């Protein structure tokens, strides 16, 4: 019985969580989030340690919301920029995206601001919440299919790869993320498959 449980937990963990060692990159990407600053702290630390010269925070406010929930800022991006500034990241090292309202929007609109800035992202670092890693990675891979990605998530209480199953709240969060993976990623998966087929056709 213990072996069956271990196998189940391992399968769920490998599906939801992604974590890589950081390496030099062209930019660090931050999908929008309000109230949680762990991934912003991780991005600022990686910037200060010299892993990338640029951070791309993305977000307006959530779907169905009329305004950003924290008073004093107009968008998630503005709030993240204020946190980054407090952590020593200069405005010159930030490329903001202020229109996205969900994770796929974060990815595709971040691609848009990079393209308009004339940036080619060969290597990217994605900083996100730990349980958000797989879904966020798939979205950013779809928006930047030519980019090599490394995911450097934050750590948060009870929702990390090694401890999510230890609390009812952690289990609820991770099983909800599996549901969102099933509901949301189909279109992006098809786009990624088509891009790879096109690449194979043009590079025999």
N, C-alpha and C. Protein backbone atom coordinates (compact mmCIF):
# COMPACT_ATOMS: atom_id res chain seq x y z
N UNK A 1 0.83 -1.21 0.00
CA UNK A 1 0.00 0.00 0.00
C UNK A 1 0.86 1.26 0.00
N UNK A 2 1.93 1.23 0.83
CA UNK A 2 2.83 2.38 0.88
C UNK A 2 3.47 2.61 -0.47
N UNK A 3 3.83 1.51 -1.17
CA UNK A 3 4.44 1.64 -2.49
C UNK A 3 3.49 2.27 -3.49
N UNK A 4 2.20 1.89 -3.43
CA UNK A 4 1.21 2.48 -4.32
C UNK A 4 1.05 3.98 -4.05
N UNK A 5 1.02 4.34 -2.77
CA UNK A 5 0.89 5.75 -2.41
C UNK A 5 2.11 6.53 -2.87
N UNK A 6 3.29 5.97 -2.67
CA UNK A 6 4.51 6.65 -3.10
C UNK A 6 4.50 6.87 -4.61
N UNK A 7 4.04 5.87 -5.36
CA UNK A 7 3.98 6.01 -6.81
C UNK A 7 2.99 7.08 -7.24
N UNK A 8 1.86 7.15 -6.57
CA UNK A 8 0.85 8.16 -6.87
C UNK A 8 1.41 9.55 -6.60
N UNK A 9 2.01 9.73 -5.42
CA UNK A 9 2.55 11.04 -5.06
C UNK A 9 3.65 11.45 -6.02
N UNK A 10 4.49 10.51 -6.41
CA UNK A 10 5.58 10.82 -7.33
C UNK A 10 5.03 11.26 -8.69
N UNK A 11 4.01 10.57 -9.18
CA UNK A 11 3.43 10.92 -10.48
C UNK A 11 2.82 12.31 -10.46
N UNK A 12 2.08 12.63 -9.40
CA UNK A 12 1.46 13.95 -9.29
C UNK A 12 2.54 15.02 -9.19
N UNK A 13 3.55 14.77 -8.37
CA UNK A 13 4.62 15.74 -8.18
C UNK A 13 5.34 16.03 -9.50
N UNK A 14 5.65 14.99 -10.25
CA UNK A 14 6.36 15.18 -11.52
C UNK A 14 5.50 15.90 -12.55
N UNK A 15 4.19 15.73 -12.47
CA UNK A 15 3.30 16.42 -13.40
C UNK A 15 3.23 17.91 -13.11
N UNK A 16 3.11 18.27 -11.85
CA UNK A 16 2.81 19.66 -11.49
C UNK A 16 4.06 20.51 -11.33
N UNK A 17 5.12 19.95 -10.73
CA UNK A 17 6.26 20.76 -10.32
C UNK A 17 7.40 20.67 -11.32
N UNK A 18 8.07 21.80 -11.53
CA UNK A 18 9.29 21.87 -12.33
C UNK A 18 10.26 22.78 -11.59
N UNK A 19 11.50 22.38 -11.48
CA UNK A 19 12.50 23.23 -10.85
C UNK A 19 13.87 22.95 -11.45
N UNK A 20 14.51 23.99 -11.94
CA UNK A 20 15.82 23.86 -12.57
C UNK A 20 16.84 24.72 -11.84
N UNK A 21 18.09 24.36 -12.00
CA UNK A 21 19.17 25.22 -11.54
C UNK A 21 19.27 26.43 -12.47
N UNK A 22 19.45 27.62 -11.92
CA UNK A 22 19.56 28.80 -12.80
C UNK A 22 20.84 28.77 -13.62
N UNK A 23 20.77 29.41 -14.77
CA UNK A 23 21.92 29.56 -15.65
C UNK A 23 21.77 30.90 -16.37
N UNK A 24 22.85 31.45 -16.91
CA UNK A 24 22.75 32.75 -17.58
C UNK A 24 21.68 32.75 -18.65
N UNK A 25 20.91 33.84 -18.70
CA UNK A 25 19.78 33.94 -19.61
C UNK A 25 19.68 35.36 -20.15
N UNK A 26 18.82 35.52 -21.15
CA UNK A 26 18.58 36.84 -21.72
C UNK A 26 17.60 37.65 -20.89
N UNK A 27 16.68 36.98 -20.20
CA UNK A 27 15.68 37.68 -19.40
C UNK A 27 15.06 36.73 -18.39
N UNK A 28 14.52 37.34 -17.34
CA UNK A 28 13.76 36.63 -16.31
C UNK A 28 12.30 37.05 -16.46
N UNK A 29 11.39 36.09 -16.48
CA UNK A 29 9.98 36.38 -16.71
C UNK A 29 9.17 36.11 -15.44
N UNK A 30 8.23 37.02 -15.18
CA UNK A 30 7.39 36.96 -13.98
C UNK A 30 5.92 37.01 -14.39
N UNK A 31 5.20 35.91 -14.36
CA UNK A 31 3.75 35.98 -14.58
C UNK A 31 3.06 36.66 -13.41
N UNK A 32 1.95 37.34 -13.69
CA UNK A 32 1.28 38.16 -12.70
C UNK A 32 0.77 37.38 -11.50
N UNK A 33 0.78 38.05 -10.37
CA UNK A 33 0.28 37.48 -9.12
C UNK A 33 0.17 38.61 -8.12
N UNK A 34 -0.89 38.64 -7.34
CA UNK A 34 -1.02 39.66 -6.32
C UNK A 34 -0.88 39.04 -4.93
N UNK A 35 -0.30 39.77 -4.04
CA UNK A 35 -0.13 39.43 -2.63
C UNK A 35 1.00 38.45 -2.35
N UNK A 36 1.37 37.62 -3.32
CA UNK A 36 2.45 36.65 -3.10
C UNK A 36 3.74 37.18 -3.72
N UNK A 37 4.78 37.32 -2.93
CA UNK A 37 5.99 37.96 -3.44
C UNK A 37 7.17 37.01 -3.59
N UNK A 38 6.98 35.73 -3.25
CA UNK A 38 8.11 34.81 -3.28
C UNK A 38 8.79 34.74 -4.62
N UNK A 39 8.02 34.66 -5.69
CA UNK A 39 8.64 34.55 -7.02
C UNK A 39 9.29 35.86 -7.44
N UNK A 40 8.78 36.99 -6.92
CA UNK A 40 9.41 38.28 -7.21
C UNK A 40 10.76 38.37 -6.49
N UNK A 41 10.80 37.91 -5.24
CA UNK A 41 12.06 37.87 -4.51
C UNK A 41 13.08 37.00 -5.24
N UNK A 42 12.62 35.85 -5.75
CA UNK A 42 13.55 34.96 -6.47
C UNK A 42 14.07 35.63 -7.73
N UNK A 43 13.21 36.31 -8.46
CA UNK A 43 13.64 36.99 -9.68
C UNK A 43 14.65 38.08 -9.37
N UNK A 44 14.39 38.88 -8.34
CA UNK A 44 15.32 39.96 -7.99
C UNK A 44 16.67 39.40 -7.57
N UNK A 45 16.65 38.30 -6.83
CA UNK A 45 17.91 37.69 -6.39
C UNK A 45 18.70 37.17 -7.60
N UNK A 46 18.02 36.55 -8.54
CA UNK A 46 18.71 36.06 -9.73
C UNK A 46 19.27 37.21 -10.55
N UNK A 47 18.52 38.31 -10.63
CA UNK A 47 19.02 39.50 -11.33
C UNK A 47 20.28 40.03 -10.64
N UNK A 48 20.22 40.18 -9.33
CA UNK A 48 21.37 40.73 -8.60
C UNK A 48 22.58 39.80 -8.69
N UNK A 49 22.33 38.52 -8.81
CA UNK A 49 23.42 37.55 -8.94
C UNK A 49 23.96 37.46 -10.36
N UNK A 50 23.40 38.24 -11.27
CA UNK A 50 23.94 38.34 -12.62
C UNK A 50 23.47 37.30 -13.61
N UNK A 51 22.37 36.61 -13.32
CA UNK A 51 21.90 35.58 -14.24
C UNK A 51 21.21 36.15 -15.48
N UNK A 52 20.69 37.37 -15.42
CA UNK A 52 20.04 37.99 -16.58
C UNK A 52 20.05 39.50 -16.40
N UNK A 53 20.09 40.24 -17.51
CA UNK A 53 20.13 41.71 -17.41
C UNK A 53 18.75 42.35 -17.39
N UNK A 54 17.68 41.54 -17.51
CA UNK A 54 16.36 42.10 -17.71
C UNK A 54 15.31 41.24 -17.02
N UNK A 55 14.29 41.90 -16.46
CA UNK A 55 13.14 41.20 -15.88
C UNK A 55 11.88 41.67 -16.61
N UNK A 56 11.01 40.72 -16.96
CA UNK A 56 9.77 41.03 -17.67
C UNK A 56 8.59 40.64 -16.79
N UNK A 57 8.08 41.58 -15.96
CA UNK A 57 6.88 41.30 -15.17
C UNK A 57 5.64 41.51 -16.01
N UNK A 58 4.64 40.67 -15.81
CA UNK A 58 3.43 40.74 -16.65
C UNK A 58 2.18 40.64 -15.81
N UNK A 59 1.22 41.52 -16.06
CA UNK A 59 -0.08 41.38 -15.43
C UNK A 59 -0.83 42.69 -15.28
N UNK A 60 -2.12 42.63 -15.53
CA UNK A 60 -3.03 43.74 -15.26
C UNK A 60 -3.76 43.43 -13.96
N UNK A 61 -4.84 42.67 -14.07
CA UNK A 61 -5.53 42.08 -12.92
C UNK A 61 -6.35 40.92 -13.42
N UNK A 62 -6.86 40.12 -12.50
CA UNK A 62 -7.46 38.86 -12.87
C UNK A 62 -8.73 38.98 -13.69
N UNK A 63 -9.06 37.91 -14.41
CA UNK A 63 -10.29 37.84 -15.19
C UNK A 63 -11.48 38.08 -14.27
N UNK A 64 -12.40 38.94 -14.69
CA UNK A 64 -13.59 39.23 -13.91
C UNK A 64 -13.42 40.32 -12.87
N UNK A 65 -12.19 40.77 -12.66
CA UNK A 65 -11.96 41.86 -11.71
C UNK A 65 -12.02 43.20 -12.43
N UNK A 66 -12.48 44.21 -11.74
CA UNK A 66 -12.59 45.54 -12.32
C UNK A 66 -11.36 46.39 -12.02
N UNK A 67 -10.57 45.98 -11.07
CA UNK A 67 -9.35 46.72 -10.72
C UNK A 67 -8.41 45.79 -9.98
N UNK A 68 -7.18 46.23 -9.85
CA UNK A 68 -6.20 45.47 -9.08
C UNK A 68 -6.56 45.53 -7.61
N UNK A 69 -6.45 44.39 -6.94
CA UNK A 69 -7.01 44.27 -5.59
C UNK A 69 -6.20 44.98 -4.51
N UNK A 70 -4.94 45.32 -4.76
CA UNK A 70 -4.15 46.01 -3.75
C UNK A 70 -4.19 47.51 -3.99
N UNK A 71 -4.63 48.30 -3.03
CA UNK A 71 -4.72 49.75 -3.22
C UNK A 71 -3.34 50.37 -3.39
N UNK A 72 -3.28 51.37 -4.28
CA UNK A 72 -2.02 52.08 -4.49
C UNK A 72 -1.34 51.75 -5.80
N UNK A 73 -1.80 50.70 -6.48
CA UNK A 73 -1.22 50.32 -7.76
C UNK A 73 -2.35 50.04 -8.75
N UNK A 74 -2.12 50.36 -10.01
CA UNK A 74 -3.13 50.15 -11.04
C UNK A 74 -3.15 48.73 -11.56
N UNK A 75 -2.01 48.07 -11.59
CA UNK A 75 -1.91 46.74 -12.18
C UNK A 75 -0.98 45.85 -11.35
N UNK A 76 -1.08 44.55 -11.60
CA UNK A 76 -0.13 43.60 -10.99
C UNK A 76 1.29 43.95 -11.38
N UNK A 77 1.48 44.35 -12.63
CA UNK A 77 2.82 44.69 -13.10
C UNK A 77 3.39 45.86 -12.32
N UNK A 78 2.59 46.90 -12.09
CA UNK A 78 3.07 48.06 -11.33
C UNK A 78 3.46 47.66 -9.91
N UNK A 79 2.63 46.81 -9.30
CA UNK A 79 2.95 46.34 -7.95
C UNK A 79 4.25 45.54 -7.94
N UNK A 80 4.42 44.63 -8.90
CA UNK A 80 5.65 43.84 -8.96
C UNK A 80 6.86 44.74 -9.19
N UNK A 81 6.70 45.77 -10.02
CA UNK A 81 7.80 46.69 -10.27
C UNK A 81 8.19 47.43 -8.99
N UNK A 82 7.20 47.78 -8.17
CA UNK A 82 7.52 48.48 -6.92
C UNK A 82 8.28 47.55 -5.97
N UNK A 83 7.92 46.28 -5.94
CA UNK A 83 8.65 45.32 -5.12
C UNK A 83 10.07 45.15 -5.64
N UNK A 84 10.21 45.02 -6.96
CA UNK A 84 11.53 44.88 -7.56
C UNK A 84 12.41 46.09 -7.25
N UNK A 85 11.81 47.28 -7.31
CA UNK A 85 12.58 48.49 -7.00
C UNK A 85 13.09 48.47 -5.56
N UNK A 86 12.24 48.03 -4.64
CA UNK A 86 12.65 47.93 -3.24
C UNK A 86 13.79 46.92 -3.06
N UNK A 87 13.88 45.99 -3.98
CA UNK A 87 14.90 44.95 -3.91
C UNK A 87 16.14 45.29 -4.72
N UNK A 88 16.20 46.52 -5.22
CA UNK A 88 17.40 46.99 -5.89
C UNK A 88 17.46 46.79 -7.39
N UNK A 89 16.33 46.48 -8.01
CA UNK A 89 16.30 46.31 -9.46
C UNK A 89 15.94 47.66 -10.09
N UNK A 90 16.79 48.24 -10.92
CA UNK A 90 16.48 49.55 -11.51
C UNK A 90 15.42 49.46 -12.60
N UNK A 91 14.74 50.57 -12.85
CA UNK A 91 13.73 50.62 -13.91
C UNK A 91 14.31 50.25 -15.26
N UNK A 92 15.57 50.59 -15.48
CA UNK A 92 16.20 50.30 -16.76
C UNK A 92 16.35 48.81 -17.02
N UNK A 93 16.22 47.99 -15.99
CA UNK A 93 16.34 46.53 -16.13
C UNK A 93 14.98 45.85 -16.16
N UNK A 94 13.91 46.62 -16.30
CA UNK A 94 12.56 46.06 -16.28
C UNK A 94 11.84 46.41 -17.58
N UNK A 95 11.25 45.39 -18.20
CA UNK A 95 10.42 45.57 -19.39
C UNK A 95 8.99 45.19 -19.00
N UNK A 96 8.11 46.18 -18.75
CA UNK A 96 6.80 45.86 -18.19
C UNK A 96 5.77 45.44 -19.23
N UNK A 97 4.85 44.58 -18.80
CA UNK A 97 3.69 44.19 -19.60
C UNK A 97 2.48 44.35 -18.69
N UNK A 98 1.54 45.25 -19.05
CA UNK A 98 0.47 45.65 -18.13
C UNK A 98 -0.94 45.27 -18.58
N UNK A 99 -1.09 44.36 -19.52
CA UNK A 99 -2.42 44.07 -20.05
C UNK A 99 -2.93 42.66 -19.75
N UNK A 100 -2.07 41.74 -19.39
CA UNK A 100 -2.46 40.33 -19.25
C UNK A 100 -3.35 40.11 -18.04
N UNK A 101 -4.28 39.17 -18.18
CA UNK A 101 -5.21 38.89 -17.08
C UNK A 101 -5.25 37.41 -16.69
N UNK A 102 -4.48 36.54 -17.35
CA UNK A 102 -4.38 35.13 -16.97
C UNK A 102 -3.05 34.61 -17.51
N UNK A 103 -2.68 33.40 -17.16
CA UNK A 103 -1.31 32.96 -17.39
C UNK A 103 -0.94 32.87 -18.87
N UNK A 104 -1.82 32.34 -19.69
CA UNK A 104 -1.52 32.29 -21.13
C UNK A 104 -1.38 33.70 -21.68
N UNK A 105 -2.19 34.63 -21.17
CA UNK A 105 -2.08 36.03 -21.54
C UNK A 105 -0.72 36.59 -21.13
N UNK A 106 -0.26 36.24 -19.92
CA UNK A 106 1.07 36.67 -19.48
C UNK A 106 2.13 36.27 -20.49
N UNK A 107 2.06 35.01 -20.92
CA UNK A 107 3.09 34.49 -21.82
C UNK A 107 3.05 35.16 -23.19
N UNK A 108 1.87 35.21 -23.81
CA UNK A 108 1.81 35.74 -25.18
C UNK A 108 2.03 37.24 -25.21
N UNK A 109 1.55 37.97 -24.20
CA UNK A 109 1.77 39.41 -24.18
C UNK A 109 3.21 39.75 -23.82
N UNK A 110 3.85 38.92 -23.01
CA UNK A 110 5.28 39.10 -22.76
C UNK A 110 6.07 38.91 -24.04
N UNK A 111 5.65 37.95 -24.85
CA UNK A 111 6.29 37.77 -26.15
C UNK A 111 6.12 39.03 -27.00
N UNK A 112 4.93 39.61 -26.93
CA UNK A 112 4.67 40.81 -27.71
C UNK A 112 5.58 41.97 -27.31
N UNK A 113 5.75 42.22 -26.01
CA UNK A 113 6.59 43.35 -25.60
C UNK A 113 8.05 43.07 -25.93
N UNK A 114 8.48 41.81 -25.86
CA UNK A 114 9.85 41.48 -26.25
C UNK A 114 10.06 41.71 -27.75
N UNK A 115 9.10 41.28 -28.55
CA UNK A 115 9.22 41.48 -30.00
C UNK A 115 9.25 42.96 -30.35
N UNK A 116 8.41 43.74 -29.70
CA UNK A 116 8.38 45.18 -30.00
C UNK A 116 9.67 45.87 -29.56
N UNK A 117 10.31 45.32 -28.55
CA UNK A 117 11.58 45.88 -28.09
C UNK A 117 12.76 45.35 -28.90
N UNK A 118 12.50 44.46 -29.85
CA UNK A 118 13.55 43.91 -30.69
C UNK A 118 14.43 42.89 -29.98
N UNK A 119 13.86 42.24 -28.97
CA UNK A 119 14.63 41.27 -28.18
C UNK A 119 14.43 39.86 -28.71
N UNK A 120 15.50 39.14 -28.85
CA UNK A 120 15.44 37.72 -29.17
C UNK A 120 15.82 36.94 -27.92
N UNK A 121 14.90 36.19 -27.40
CA UNK A 121 15.12 35.48 -26.15
C UNK A 121 15.56 34.04 -26.47
N UNK A 122 16.85 33.81 -26.41
CA UNK A 122 17.37 32.47 -26.66
C UNK A 122 17.32 31.61 -25.39
N UNK A 123 17.60 32.25 -24.25
CA UNK A 123 17.58 31.57 -22.96
C UNK A 123 16.69 32.39 -22.02
N UNK A 124 15.74 31.74 -21.36
CA UNK A 124 14.85 32.44 -20.47
C UNK A 124 14.74 31.75 -19.12
N UNK A 125 14.56 32.55 -18.08
CA UNK A 125 14.29 32.03 -16.74
C UNK A 125 12.86 32.41 -16.39
N UNK A 126 12.10 31.45 -15.92
CA UNK A 126 10.71 31.68 -15.52
C UNK A 126 10.61 31.54 -14.00
N UNK A 127 10.25 32.63 -13.33
CA UNK A 127 10.05 32.62 -11.89
C UNK A 127 8.56 32.66 -11.60
N UNK A 128 8.07 31.67 -10.90
CA UNK A 128 6.63 31.55 -10.64
C UNK A 128 6.44 30.88 -9.29
N UNK A 129 5.19 30.74 -8.88
CA UNK A 129 4.89 30.00 -7.67
C UNK A 129 5.15 28.51 -7.91
N UNK A 130 5.52 27.74 -6.90
CA UNK A 130 5.98 26.36 -7.15
C UNK A 130 4.94 25.48 -7.82
N UNK A 131 3.68 25.56 -7.40
CA UNK A 131 2.65 24.69 -7.97
C UNK A 131 2.18 25.18 -9.34
N UNK A 132 2.61 26.34 -9.74
CA UNK A 132 2.21 26.93 -11.01
C UNK A 132 3.20 26.59 -12.12
N UNK A 133 4.28 25.89 -11.77
CA UNK A 133 5.43 25.78 -12.65
C UNK A 133 5.13 25.07 -13.97
N UNK A 134 4.49 23.90 -13.93
CA UNK A 134 4.28 23.15 -15.17
C UNK A 134 3.37 23.91 -16.13
N UNK A 135 2.28 24.44 -15.61
CA UNK A 135 1.33 25.13 -16.48
C UNK A 135 1.96 26.41 -17.05
N UNK A 136 2.64 27.16 -16.21
CA UNK A 136 3.29 28.38 -16.69
C UNK A 136 4.35 28.05 -17.73
N UNK A 137 5.12 26.99 -17.48
CA UNK A 137 6.16 26.61 -18.43
C UNK A 137 5.58 26.28 -19.79
N UNK A 138 4.50 25.51 -19.83
CA UNK A 138 3.91 25.16 -21.11
C UNK A 138 3.45 26.41 -21.87
N UNK A 139 2.85 27.35 -21.15
CA UNK A 139 2.40 28.58 -21.81
C UNK A 139 3.58 29.37 -22.38
N UNK A 140 4.62 29.54 -21.58
CA UNK A 140 5.77 30.32 -22.07
C UNK A 140 6.52 29.58 -23.17
N UNK A 141 6.56 28.25 -23.10
CA UNK A 141 7.16 27.49 -24.20
C UNK A 141 6.38 27.69 -25.49
N UNK A 142 5.07 27.79 -25.38
CA UNK A 142 4.24 27.99 -26.57
C UNK A 142 4.45 29.38 -27.14
N UNK A 143 4.53 30.39 -26.28
CA UNK A 143 4.72 31.76 -26.75
C UNK A 143 6.14 32.01 -27.26
N UNK A 144 7.11 31.29 -26.70
CA UNK A 144 8.53 31.44 -27.09
C UNK A 144 9.07 30.05 -27.46
N UNK A 145 8.61 29.45 -28.55
CA UNK A 145 8.99 28.06 -28.82
C UNK A 145 10.46 27.87 -29.15
N UNK A 146 11.15 28.94 -29.51
CA UNK A 146 12.57 28.82 -29.85
C UNK A 146 13.48 29.03 -28.63
N UNK A 147 12.90 29.27 -27.48
CA UNK A 147 13.66 29.62 -26.29
C UNK A 147 13.93 28.39 -25.43
N UNK A 148 15.12 28.32 -24.86
CA UNK A 148 15.43 27.30 -23.85
C UNK A 148 15.05 27.86 -22.49
N UNK A 149 14.15 27.17 -21.79
CA UNK A 149 13.62 27.67 -20.52
C UNK A 149 14.20 26.94 -19.33
N UNK A 150 14.41 27.70 -18.27
CA UNK A 150 14.70 27.14 -16.95
C UNK A 150 13.68 27.73 -15.97
N UNK A 151 13.06 26.87 -15.21
CA UNK A 151 12.06 27.30 -14.23
C UNK A 151 12.72 27.39 -12.86
N UNK A 152 12.64 28.56 -12.25
CA UNK A 152 13.21 28.79 -10.93
C UNK A 152 12.10 29.30 -10.02
N UNK A 153 11.30 28.40 -9.46
CA UNK A 153 10.14 28.81 -8.67
C UNK A 153 10.52 29.29 -7.28
N UNK A 154 9.57 29.96 -6.66
CA UNK A 154 9.73 30.32 -5.25
C UNK A 154 9.45 29.10 -4.38
N UNK A 155 9.63 29.27 -3.10
CA UNK A 155 9.20 28.27 -2.12
C UNK A 155 8.09 28.87 -1.29
N UNK A 156 7.05 28.06 -1.03
CA UNK A 156 5.92 28.52 -0.23
C UNK A 156 5.48 27.42 0.72
N UNK A 157 4.90 27.80 1.81
CA UNK A 157 4.50 26.83 2.83
C UNK A 157 3.49 25.83 2.28
N UNK A 158 3.80 24.56 2.40
CA UNK A 158 2.87 23.45 2.15
C UNK A 158 2.51 23.21 0.68
N UNK A 159 3.15 23.89 -0.26
CA UNK A 159 2.81 23.65 -1.67
C UNK A 159 4.06 23.44 -2.51
N UNK A 160 5.10 22.90 -1.92
CA UNK A 160 6.32 22.59 -2.65
C UNK A 160 6.34 21.12 -3.04
N UNK A 161 7.26 20.76 -3.90
CA UNK A 161 7.27 19.40 -4.43
C UNK A 161 7.36 18.35 -3.32
N UNK A 162 8.09 18.65 -2.25
CA UNK A 162 8.31 17.65 -1.21
C UNK A 162 7.28 17.67 -0.09
N UNK A 163 6.42 18.68 -0.04
CA UNK A 163 5.52 18.74 1.13
C UNK A 163 4.04 18.97 0.80
N UNK A 164 3.67 19.06 -0.47
CA UNK A 164 2.29 19.41 -0.82
C UNK A 164 1.28 18.41 -0.28
N UNK A 165 1.69 17.15 -0.19
CA UNK A 165 0.76 16.08 0.21
C UNK A 165 0.57 15.97 1.71
N UNK A 166 1.29 16.78 2.49
CA UNK A 166 1.27 16.64 3.94
C UNK A 166 0.12 17.38 4.62
N UNK A 167 -0.55 18.26 3.92
CA UNK A 167 -1.67 19.00 4.50
C UNK A 167 -2.86 18.93 3.56
N UNK A 168 -4.04 19.05 4.14
CA UNK A 168 -5.26 19.05 3.32
C UNK A 168 -5.27 20.25 2.37
N UNK A 169 -4.80 21.40 2.85
CA UNK A 169 -4.77 22.59 2.00
C UNK A 169 -3.81 22.40 0.83
N UNK A 170 -2.66 21.78 1.09
CA UNK A 170 -1.71 21.53 0.02
C UNK A 170 -2.25 20.56 -1.01
N UNK A 171 -2.90 19.50 -0.54
CA UNK A 171 -3.48 18.53 -1.48
C UNK A 171 -4.58 19.17 -2.32
N UNK A 172 -5.40 19.99 -1.70
CA UNK A 172 -6.47 20.67 -2.45
C UNK A 172 -5.89 21.58 -3.52
N UNK A 173 -4.84 22.32 -3.16
CA UNK A 173 -4.22 23.23 -4.12
C UNK A 173 -3.64 22.48 -5.31
N UNK A 174 -2.94 21.38 -5.07
CA UNK A 174 -2.26 20.67 -6.15
C UNK A 174 -3.26 19.91 -7.01
N UNK A 175 -4.27 19.31 -6.42
CA UNK A 175 -5.27 18.62 -7.23
C UNK A 175 -6.08 19.61 -8.05
N UNK A 176 -6.27 20.83 -7.52
CA UNK A 176 -6.90 21.88 -8.31
C UNK A 176 -6.03 22.29 -9.49
N UNK A 177 -4.73 22.29 -9.29
CA UNK A 177 -3.82 22.63 -10.38
C UNK A 177 -3.85 21.56 -11.47
N UNK A 178 -3.97 20.31 -11.08
CA UNK A 178 -4.11 19.25 -12.08
C UNK A 178 -5.38 19.45 -12.90
N UNK A 179 -6.44 19.83 -12.26
CA UNK A 179 -7.69 20.11 -12.96
C UNK A 179 -7.51 21.26 -13.96
N UNK A 180 -6.82 22.31 -13.53
CA UNK A 180 -6.59 23.44 -14.43
C UNK A 180 -5.69 23.04 -15.60
N UNK A 181 -4.72 22.19 -15.34
CA UNK A 181 -3.89 21.70 -16.43
C UNK A 181 -4.75 21.01 -17.49
N UNK A 182 -5.65 20.14 -17.05
CA UNK A 182 -6.51 19.42 -17.98
C UNK A 182 -7.47 20.34 -18.72
N UNK A 183 -7.96 21.36 -18.03
CA UNK A 183 -8.95 22.25 -18.63
C UNK A 183 -8.35 23.27 -19.58
N UNK A 184 -7.12 23.70 -19.32
CA UNK A 184 -6.62 24.92 -19.95
C UNK A 184 -5.55 24.75 -21.02
N UNK A 185 -4.79 23.66 -21.00
CA UNK A 185 -3.58 23.65 -21.83
C UNK A 185 -3.78 23.06 -23.22
N UNK A 186 -4.98 22.59 -23.54
CA UNK A 186 -5.15 21.89 -24.81
C UNK A 186 -4.79 22.72 -26.02
N UNK A 187 -5.28 23.95 -26.08
CA UNK A 187 -5.01 24.81 -27.24
C UNK A 187 -3.52 25.09 -27.38
N UNK A 188 -2.86 25.37 -26.26
CA UNK A 188 -1.44 25.66 -26.30
C UNK A 188 -0.63 24.43 -26.69
N UNK A 189 -1.05 23.26 -26.25
CA UNK A 189 -0.36 22.04 -26.63
C UNK A 189 -0.45 21.82 -28.13
N UNK A 190 -1.62 22.05 -28.71
CA UNK A 190 -1.78 21.90 -30.16
C UNK A 190 -0.92 22.91 -30.90
N UNK A 191 -0.82 24.14 -30.41
CA UNK A 191 0.04 25.15 -31.04
C UNK A 191 1.49 24.71 -31.02
N UNK A 192 1.93 24.15 -29.90
CA UNK A 192 3.31 23.72 -29.78
C UNK A 192 3.60 22.54 -30.70
N UNK A 193 2.66 21.63 -30.82
CA UNK A 193 2.82 20.51 -31.75
C UNK A 193 2.93 21.01 -33.18
N UNK A 194 2.06 21.96 -33.57
CA UNK A 194 2.11 22.50 -34.93
C UNK A 194 3.42 23.21 -35.19
N UNK A 195 3.92 23.95 -34.20
CA UNK A 195 5.19 24.66 -34.39
C UNK A 195 6.33 23.67 -34.62
N UNK A 196 6.36 22.59 -33.87
CA UNK A 196 7.41 21.60 -34.03
C UNK A 196 7.31 20.88 -35.37
N UNK A 197 6.09 20.61 -35.83
CA UNK A 197 5.92 20.00 -37.14
C UNK A 197 6.41 20.93 -38.24
N UNK A 198 6.09 22.21 -38.10
CA UNK A 198 6.53 23.20 -39.08
C UNK A 198 8.06 23.29 -39.10
N UNK A 199 8.66 23.28 -37.93
CA UNK A 199 10.12 23.33 -37.83
C UNK A 199 10.75 22.12 -38.50
N UNK A 200 10.16 20.94 -38.28
CA UNK A 200 10.70 19.72 -38.89
C UNK A 200 10.56 19.77 -40.41
N UNK A 201 9.45 20.35 -40.90
CA UNK A 201 9.22 20.42 -42.35
C UNK A 201 10.20 21.37 -43.03
N UNK A 202 10.61 22.43 -42.33
CA UNK A 202 11.48 23.44 -42.94
C UNK A 202 12.95 23.16 -42.71
N UNK A 203 13.24 22.17 -41.83
CA UNK A 203 14.64 21.81 -41.58
C UNK A 203 14.78 20.29 -41.70
N UNK A 204 14.76 19.80 -42.93
CA UNK A 204 14.84 18.34 -43.12
C UNK A 204 16.18 17.78 -42.65
